[in-house]
Amino acid sequence: MTARDLGALGLKLMGAFFAASATIRLLALVTATAALPVVNGLDARTLFRVNGFGFLAELAIASVLVIKAESLAERLFPGPRVEIAGLSRRDLLIGGIALIGVSTVIGAAPGILRFVGQAIWLAQGTRQAEFVPTMERSWESLSNSVLELIVGGALLAKAGTLGSVLDRRYRRDEKSKVEERLG
């Protein structure tokens, strides 16, 4: 197995995670609307329309990750194919941090798209009176999604640096443990 193959497998697993997450959120929404026909002044159909962008985004992301995993792995791991047996701890740390960054960035997308969809839907003529109160309640979730996007982007951008720092830290810890046993 190569690093690229391992990356493709990781991307497919993230796709499966997002598909499962979207399914669970959809079931939670169905349960909530069945139990409470009106939530925050929104009826069930309206609630489904408002959350539709988020579900569609998660399902689209899951589909892309599962279907295009190999081509995405080639872009993320553009170097020559390296056998896993030849990978160092630093290489695995960098790959893992990059995959966590990708997962975090992708995890932020549905929340941002849900906010945008809700804003577009509420900006229409008859719903403008609900716009400000509803958007005020949505700022916290938007700020969480934007923060996820920033953290994921930073992890992607600095995966090499973080992997190197962690590798040096682990080497120092191993060296001190060996010296402690010998001393």
C-alpha atoms as a PDB file:
ATOM      1  CA  MET A   1       0.000   0.000   0.000  1.00  0.00           C
ATOM      2  CA  THR A   2       1.323   3.450  -0.891  1.00  0.00           C
ATOM      3  CA  ALA A   3       0.858   6.798   0.811  1.00  0.00           C
ATOM      4  CA  ARG A   4      -1.421   7.858  -2.021  1.00  0.00           C
ATOM      5  CA  ASP A   5      -3.547   4.722  -1.581  1.00  0.00           C
ATOM      6  CA  LEU A   6      -3.723   5.359   2.152  1.00  0.00           C
ATOM      7  CA  GLY A   7      -4.761   8.973   1.480  1.00  0.00           C
ATOM      8  CA  ALA A   8      -7.495   7.801  -0.906  1.00  0.00           C
ATOM      9  CA  LEU A   9      -8.758   5.370   1.715  1.00  0.00           C
ATOM     10  CA  GLY A  10      -8.798   8.171   4.311  1.00  0.00           C
ATOM     11  CA  LEU A  11     -10.779  10.416   1.950  1.00  0.00           C
ATOM     12  CA  LYS A  12     -13.309   7.644   1.285  1.00  0.00           C
ATOM     13  CA  LEU A  13     -13.710   7.106   5.024  1.00  0.00           C
ATOM     14  CA  MET A  14     -14.302  10.849   5.491  1.00  0.00           C
ATOM     15  CA  GLY A  15     -16.934  10.667   2.735  1.00  0.00           C
ATOM     16  CA  ALA A  16     -18.655   7.816   4.541  1.00  0.00           C
ATOM     17  CA  PHE A  17     -18.517   9.858   7.756  1.00  0.00           C
ATOM     18  CA  PHE A  18     -20.180  12.864   6.101  1.00  0.00           C
ATOM     19  CA  ALA A  19     -22.863  10.655   4.538  1.00  0.00           C
ATOM     20  CA  ALA A  20     -23.607   9.106   7.930  1.00  0.00           C
ATOM     21  CA  SER A  21     -23.597  12.542   9.575  1.00  0.00           C
ATOM     22  CA  ALA A  22     -26.072  13.920   7.029  1.00  0.00           C
ATOM     23  CA  THR A  23     -28.321  10.898   7.511  1.00  0.00           C
ATOM     24  CA  ILE A  24     -28.290  11.282  11.287  1.00  0.00           C
ATOM     25  CA  ARG A  25     -29.032  15.022  11.043  1.00  0.00           C
ATOM     26  CA  LEU A  26     -31.871  14.324   8.603  1.00  0.00           C
ATOM     27  CA  LEU A  27     -33.369  11.757  10.998  1.00  0.00           C
ATOM     28  CA  ALA A  28     -33.052  14.248  13.877  1.00  0.00           C
ATOM     29  CA  LEU A  29     -34.827  16.915  11.819  1.00  0.00           C
ATOM     30  CA  VAL A  30     -37.614  14.501  10.862  1.00  0.00           C
ATOM     31  CA  THR A  31     -38.036  13.504  14.504  1.00  0.00           C
ATOM     32  CA  ALA A  32     -38.049  17.117  15.690  1.00  0.00           C
ATOM     33  CA  THR A  33     -40.620  18.222  13.133  1.00  0.00           C
ATOM     34  CA  ALA A  34     -42.811  15.214  13.857  1.00  0.00           C
ATOM     35  CA  ALA A  35     -42.762  15.943  17.590  1.00  0.00           C
ATOM     36  CA  LEU A  36     -43.043  19.731  17.253  1.00  0.00           C
ATOM     37  CA  PRO A  37     -44.942  20.792  14.129  1.00  0.00           C
ATOM     38  CA  VAL A  38     -43.758  24.405  14.624  1.00  0.00           C
ATOM     39  CA  VAL A  39     -40.162  25.148  15.710  1.00  0.00           C
ATOM     40  CA  ASN A  40     -39.135  28.792  16.294  1.00  0.00           C
ATOM     41  CA  GLY A  41     -42.110  29.930  14.253  1.00  0.00           C
ATOM     42  CA  LEU A  42     -41.189  27.731  11.255  1.00  0.00           C
ATOM     43  CA  ASP A  43     -43.444  24.924  10.082  1.00  0.00           C
ATOM     44  CA  ALA A  44     -42.011  21.533   9.008  1.00  0.00           C
ATOM     45  CA  ARG A  45     -41.828  22.308   5.261  1.00  0.00           C
ATOM     46  CA  THR A  46     -40.087  25.609   5.890  1.00  0.00           C
ATOM     47  CA  LEU A  47     -37.642  23.973   8.291  1.00  0.00           C
ATOM     48  CA  PHE A  48     -36.756  21.375   5.652  1.00  0.00           C
ATOM     49  CA  ARG A  49     -36.197  24.081   3.028  1.00  0.00           C
ATOM     50  CA  VAL A  50     -33.983  26.113   5.357  1.00  0.00           C
ATOM     51  CA  ASN A  51     -31.855  23.079   6.267  1.00  0.00           C
ATOM     52  CA  GLY A  52     -31.853  21.695   2.726  1.00  0.00           C
ATOM     53  CA  PHE A  53     -28.658  23.494   1.703  1.00  0.00           C
ATOM     54  CA  GLY A  54     -26.751  21.902   4.585  1.00  0.00           C
ATOM     55  CA  PHE A  55     -27.978  18.396   3.800  1.00  0.00           C
ATOM     56  CA  LEU A  56     -27.292  18.807   0.095  1.00  0.00           C
ATOM     57  CA  ALA A  57     -23.822  20.173   0.843  1.00  0.00           C
ATOM     58  CA  GLU A  58     -22.961  17.262   3.143  1.00  0.00           C
ATOM     59  CA  LEU A  59     -24.246  14.721   0.644  1.00  0.00           C
ATOM     60  CA  ALA A  60     -22.366  16.434  -2.213  1.00  0.00           C
ATOM     61  CA  ILE A  61     -19.167  16.478  -0.155  1.00  0.00           C
ATOM     62  CA  ALA A  62     -19.621  12.828   0.772  1.00  0.00           C
ATOM     63  CA  SER A  63     -20.189  11.897  -2.867  1.00  0.00           C
ATOM     64  CA  VAL A  64     -17.134  13.803  -4.067  1.00  0.00           C
ATOM     65  CA  LEU A  65     -14.945  12.277  -1.361  1.00  0.00           C
ATOM     66  CA  VAL A  66     -16.062   8.742  -2.125  1.00  0.00           C
ATOM     67  CA  ILE A  67     -16.156   9.007  -5.935  1.00  0.00           C
ATOM     68  CA  LYS A  68     -13.117  11.242  -6.512  1.00  0.00           C
ATOM     69  CA  ALA A  69     -10.902   9.943  -3.680  1.00  0.00           C
ATOM     70  CA  GLU A  70      -8.132   8.706  -5.972  1.00  0.00           C
ATOM     71  CA  SER A  71      -7.811  11.953  -7.949  1.00  0.00           C
ATOM     72  CA  LEU A  72      -7.963  14.007  -4.737  1.00  0.00           C
ATOM     73  CA  ALA A  73      -5.257  11.806  -3.201  1.00  0.00           C
ATOM     74  CA  GLU A  74      -3.059  12.389  -6.248  1.00  0.00           C
ATOM     75  CA  ARG A  75      -3.392  16.144  -5.715  1.00  0.00           C
ATOM     76  CA  LEU A  76      -2.773  15.936  -1.959  1.00  0.00           C
ATOM     77  CA  PHE A  77       0.144  13.514  -2.331  1.00  0.00           C
ATOM     78  CA  PRO A  78       1.732  14.634  -5.633  1.00  0.00           C
ATOM     79  CA  GLY A  79       5.203  13.217  -4.969  1.00  0.00           C
ATOM     80  CA  PRO A  80       6.434   9.894  -6.189  1.00  0.00           C
ATOM     81  CA  ARG A  81       4.630   6.882  -4.897  1.00  0.00           C
ATOM     82  CA  VAL A  82       6.282   5.700  -1.718  1.00  0.00           C
ATOM     83  CA  GLU A  83       5.700   2.367  -0.079  1.00  0.00           C
ATOM     84  CA  ILE A  84       4.207   2.603   3.399  1.00  0.00           C
ATOM     85  CA  ALA A  85       7.077   0.541   4.787  1.00  0.00           C
ATOM     86  CA  GLY A  86       9.420   3.405   3.798  1.00  0.00           C
ATOM     87  CA  LEU A  87       7.362   6.151   5.423  1.00  0.00           C
ATOM     88  CA  SER A  88       8.787   7.836   8.469  1.00  0.00           C
ATOM     89  CA  ARG A  89       6.844   8.885  11.510  1.00  0.00           C
ATOM     90  CA  ARG A  90       7.146  12.494  10.255  1.00  0.00           C
ATOM     91  CA  ASP A  91       5.547  11.557   6.906  1.00  0.00           C
ATOM     92  CA  LEU A  92       2.651   9.834   8.650  1.00  0.00           C
ATOM     93  CA  LEU A  93       2.177  12.794  11.014  1.00  0.00           C
ATOM     94  CA  ILE A  94       2.091  15.228   8.086  1.00  0.00           C
ATOM     95  CA  GLY A  95      -0.410  13.031   6.205  1.00  0.00           C
ATOM     96  CA  GLY A  96      -2.604  12.647   9.273  1.00  0.00           C
ATOM     97  CA  ILE A  97      -2.575  16.369  10.058  1.00  0.00           C
ATOM     98  CA  ALA A  98      -3.405  17.174   6.422  1.00  0.00           C
ATOM     99  CA  LEU A  99      -6.347  14.735   6.491  1.00  0.00           C
ATOM    100  CA  ILE A 100      -7.605  16.263   9.744  1.00  0.00           C
ATOM    101  CA  GLY A 101      -7.366  19.686   8.072  1.00  0.00           C
ATOM    102  CA  VAL A 102      -9.324  18.476   5.036  1.00  0.00           C
ATOM    103  CA  SER A 103     -11.965  16.934   7.274  1.00  0.00           C
ATOM    104  CA  THR A 104     -12.277  20.115   9.338  1.00  0.00           C
ATOM    105  CA  VAL A 105     -12.583  22.374   6.278  1.00  0.00           C
ATOM    106  CA  ILE A 106     -15.174  20.087   4.724  1.00  0.00           C
ATOM    107  CA  GLY A 107     -17.049  19.874   8.041  1.00  0.00           C
ATOM    108  CA  ALA A 108     -17.416  23.667   8.082  1.00  0.00           C
ATOM    109  CA  ALA A 109     -18.988  23.893   4.620  1.00  0.00           C
ATOM    110  CA  PRO A 110     -22.519  22.632   5.465  1.00  0.00           C
ATOM    111  CA  GLY A 111     -22.947  25.117   8.326  1.00  0.00           C
ATOM    112  CA  ILE A 112     -21.861  28.049   6.175  1.00  0.00           C
ATOM    113  CA  LEU A 113     -24.059  26.934   3.275  1.00  0.00           C
ATOM    114  CA  ARG A 114     -27.018  26.436   5.637  1.00  0.00           C
ATOM    115  CA  PHE A 115     -26.585  30.013   6.905  1.00  0.00           C
ATOM    116  CA  VAL A 116     -26.383  31.356   3.330  1.00  0.00           C
ATOM    117  CA  GLY A 117     -29.465  29.359   2.290  1.00  0.00           C
ATOM    118  CA  GLN A 118     -31.394  30.562   5.299  1.00  0.00           C
ATOM    119  CA  ALA A 119     -30.396  34.187   4.600  1.00  0.00           C
ATOM    120  CA  ILE A 120     -31.458  33.923   0.949  1.00  0.00           C
ATOM    121  CA  TRP A 121     -34.751  32.280   1.876  1.00  0.00           C
ATOM    122  CA  LEU A 122     -35.568  34.858   4.581  1.00  0.00           C
ATOM    123  CA  ALA A 123     -34.577  37.802   2.362  1.00  0.00           C
ATOM    124  CA  GLN A 124     -37.589  37.170   0.111  1.00  0.00           C
ATOM    125  CA  GLY A 125     -40.398  39.722   0.315  1.00  0.00           C
ATOM    126  CA  THR A 126     -42.909  38.111   2.677  1.00  0.00           C
ATOM    127  CA  ARG A 127     -40.286  36.753   5.102  1.00  0.00           C
ATOM    128  CA  GLN A 128     -38.179  39.893   5.601  1.00  0.00           C
ATOM    129  CA  ALA A 129     -39.713  40.567   9.005  1.00  0.00           C
ATOM    130  CA  GLU A 130     -38.248  37.245  10.244  1.00  0.00           C
ATOM    131  CA  PHE A 131     -34.796  37.954   8.761  1.00  0.00           C
ATOM    132  CA  VAL A 132     -33.126  39.874  11.604  1.00  0.00           C
ATOM    133  CA  PRO A 133     -34.381  37.748  14.544  1.00  0.00           C
ATOM    134  CA  THR A 134     -33.553  34.497  12.769  1.00  0.00           C
ATOM    135  CA  MET A 135     -30.120  35.669  11.627  1.00  0.00           C
ATOM    136  CA  GLU A 136     -29.299  36.883  15.145  1.00  0.00           C
ATOM    137  CA  ARG A 137     -29.880  33.353  16.421  1.00  0.00           C
ATOM    138  CA  SER A 138     -27.703  31.929  13.630  1.00  0.00           C
ATOM    139  CA  TRP A 139     -24.535  33.979  14.232  1.00  0.00           C
ATOM    140  CA  GLU A 140     -23.162  31.544  16.782  1.00  0.00           C
ATOM    141  CA  SER A 141     -23.388  28.576  14.430  1.00  0.00           C
ATOM    142  CA  LEU A 142     -21.924  30.655  11.584  1.00  0.00           C
ATOM    143  CA  SER A 143     -18.999  31.784  13.741  1.00  0.00           C
ATOM    144  CA  ASN A 144     -18.365  28.154  14.759  1.00  0.00           C
ATOM    145  CA  SER A 145     -18.344  27.083  11.112  1.00  0.00           C
ATOM    146  CA  VAL A 146     -16.024  29.931  10.097  1.00  0.00           C
ATOM    147  CA  LEU A 147     -13.700  29.051  12.986  1.00  0.00           C
ATOM    148  CA  GLU A 148     -13.681  25.412  11.804  1.00  0.00           C
ATOM    149  CA  LEU A 149     -12.825  26.635   8.308  1.00  0.00           C
ATOM    150  CA  ILE A 150      -9.925  28.741   9.629  1.00  0.00           C
ATOM    151  CA  VAL A 151      -8.541  25.963  11.843  1.00  0.00           C
ATOM    152  CA  GLY A 152      -8.818  23.389   9.051  1.00  0.00           C
ATOM    153  CA  GLY A 153      -7.117  25.737   6.588  1.00  0.00           C
ATOM    154  CA  ALA A 154      -4.316  26.400   9.079  1.00  0.00           C
ATOM    155  CA  LEU A 155      -3.843  22.658   9.621  1.00  0.00           C
ATOM    156  CA  LEU A 156      -3.644  22.117   5.864  1.00  0.00           C
ATOM    157  CA  ALA A 157      -1.254  25.026   5.341  1.00  0.00           C
ATOM    158  CA  LYS A 158       1.044  24.120   8.234  1.00  0.00           C
ATOM    159  CA  ALA A 159       0.841  20.299   8.162  1.00  0.00           C
ATOM    160  CA  GLY A 160       4.543  19.990   7.291  1.00  0.00           C
ATOM    161  CA  THR A 161       5.660  22.308  10.075  1.00  0.00           C
ATOM    162  CA  LEU A 162       3.399  20.690  12.683  1.00  0.00           C
ATOM    163  CA  GLY A 163       4.476  17.195  11.599  1.00  0.00           C
ATOM    164  CA  SER A 164       8.144  18.138  11.936  1.00  0.00           C
ATOM    165  CA  VAL A 165       7.636  19.735  15.359  1.00  0.00           C
ATOM    166  CA  LEU A 166       5.715  16.723  16.669  1.00  0.00           C
ATOM    167  CA  ASP A 167       8.297  14.330  15.258  1.00  0.00           C
ATOM    168  CA  ARG A 168      11.131  16.199  17.043  1.00  0.00           C
ATOM    169  CA  ARG A 169       9.094  16.170  20.243  1.00  0.00           C
ATOM    170  CA  TYR A 170       8.541  12.398  20.021  1.00  0.00           C
ATOM    171  CA  ARG A 171      12.256  11.846  19.299  1.00  0.00           C
ATOM    172  CA  ARG A 172      13.235  13.888  22.379  1.00  0.00           C
ATOM    173  CA  ASP A 173      10.753  11.955  24.528  1.00  0.00           C
ATOM    174  CA  GLU A 174      12.082   8.616  23.249  1.00  0.00           C
ATOM    175  CA  LYS A 175      15.671   9.710  23.805  1.00  0.00           C
ATOM    176  CA  SER A 176      14.951  10.810  27.403  1.00  0.00           C
ATOM    177  CA  LYS A 177      13.178   7.510  28.130  1.00  0.00           C
ATOM    178  CA  VAL A 178      16.150   5.531  26.807  1.00  0.00           C
ATOM    179  CA  GLU A 179      18.580   7.628  28.863  1.00  0.00           C
ATOM    180  CA  GLU A 180      16.385   7.185  31.928  1.00  0.00           C
ATOM    181  CA  ARG A 181      16.403   3.383  31.539  1.00  0.00           C
ATOM    182  CA  LEU A 182      20.180   3.314  31.018  1.00  0.00           C
ATOM    183  CA  GLY A 183      20.956   5.889  33.739  1.00  0.00           C
END
